[in-house]
Amino acid sequence: MVRKVISAQEADEIAAAIAAAIDTVPPERQVLFLVRLTLTLAQLVGDKASIIEAIRLARRQE
């Protein structure tokens, strides 16, 4: 279960910001950008269990 700490509107705005950032990166470096973004966010979260749960939830949404 995802603990909601941002609104749906904020989630949409964040998704748009990430999509815009991805568009500024050359296609061959987009995966690397996403890995770096993910690791940066993981550092900010700072809780391994929450990060593993986020990975699990993201995989379910494919």
Protein backbone atom coordinates (compact mmCIF):
# COMPACT_ATOMS: atom_id res chain seq x y z
CA MET A 1 0.00 0.00 0.00
CA VAL A 2 1.27 3.45 -0.89
CA ARG A 3 1.21 5.94 1.95
CA LYS A 4 -0.17 9.11 0.40
CA VAL A 5 1.80 12.19 1.33
CA ILE A 6 1.18 14.15 -1.87
CA SER A 7 -2.08 14.97 -3.57
CA ALA A 8 -3.13 13.57 -6.92
CA GLN A 9 -2.53 17.01 -8.45
CA GLU A 10 0.98 17.12 -6.99
CA ALA A 11 1.64 13.61 -8.34
CA ASP A 12 0.56 14.76 -11.80
CA GLU A 13 2.81 17.82 -11.56
CA ILE A 14 5.77 15.68 -10.46
CA ALA A 15 5.13 13.22 -13.30
CA ALA A 16 5.10 16.12 -15.75
CA ALA A 17 8.35 17.50 -14.31
CA ILE A 18 10.03 14.09 -14.61
CA ALA A 19 8.77 13.64 -18.18
CA ALA A 20 10.07 17.11 -19.08
CA ALA A 21 13.46 16.31 -17.53
CA ILE A 22 13.66 13.02 -19.43
CA ASP A 23 13.01 14.92 -22.67
CA THR A 24 16.12 17.05 -22.04
CA VAL A 25 18.37 13.99 -21.88
CA PRO A 26 19.64 12.26 -25.04
CA PRO A 27 17.77 8.97 -25.62
CA GLU A 28 20.87 6.86 -24.98
CA ARG A 29 21.27 8.43 -21.50
CA GLN A 30 17.63 8.40 -20.37
CA VAL A 31 17.89 5.12 -18.48
CA LEU A 32 20.99 6.39 -16.68
CA PHE A 33 19.13 9.60 -15.79
CA LEU A 34 16.23 7.58 -14.34
CA VAL A 35 18.63 5.42 -12.33
CA ARG A 36 20.33 8.53 -10.92
CA LEU A 37 16.97 10.12 -10.12
CA THR A 38 15.82 6.94 -8.40
CA LEU A 39 19.00 6.68 -6.33
CA THR A 40 18.77 10.36 -5.36
CA LEU A 41 15.17 9.90 -4.22
CA ALA A 42 16.13 6.70 -2.37
CA GLN A 43 18.80 8.65 -0.49
CA LEU A 44 16.18 11.23 0.49
CA VAL A 45 13.75 8.53 1.65
CA GLY A 46 16.52 6.83 3.59
CA ASP A 47 14.52 3.70 4.50
CA LYS A 48 15.43 0.48 2.70
CA ALA A 49 12.10 -1.23 3.40
CA SER A 50 10.14 1.71 1.95
CA ILE A 51 12.35 1.78 -1.12
CA ILE A 52 11.96 -1.97 -1.73
CA GLU A 53 8.19 -1.58 -1.31
CA ALA A 54 8.17 1.29 -3.83
CA ILE A 55 10.04 -0.90 -6.33
CA ARG A 56 7.51 -3.70 -5.80
CA LEU A 57 4.59 -1.33 -6.29
CA ALA A 58 6.10 0.24 -9.39
CA ARG A 59 6.60 -3.18 -10.97
CA ARG A 60 2.95 -4.05 -10.32
CA GLN A 61 1.81 -0.97 -12.22
CA GLU A 62 3.46 -2.04 -15.50
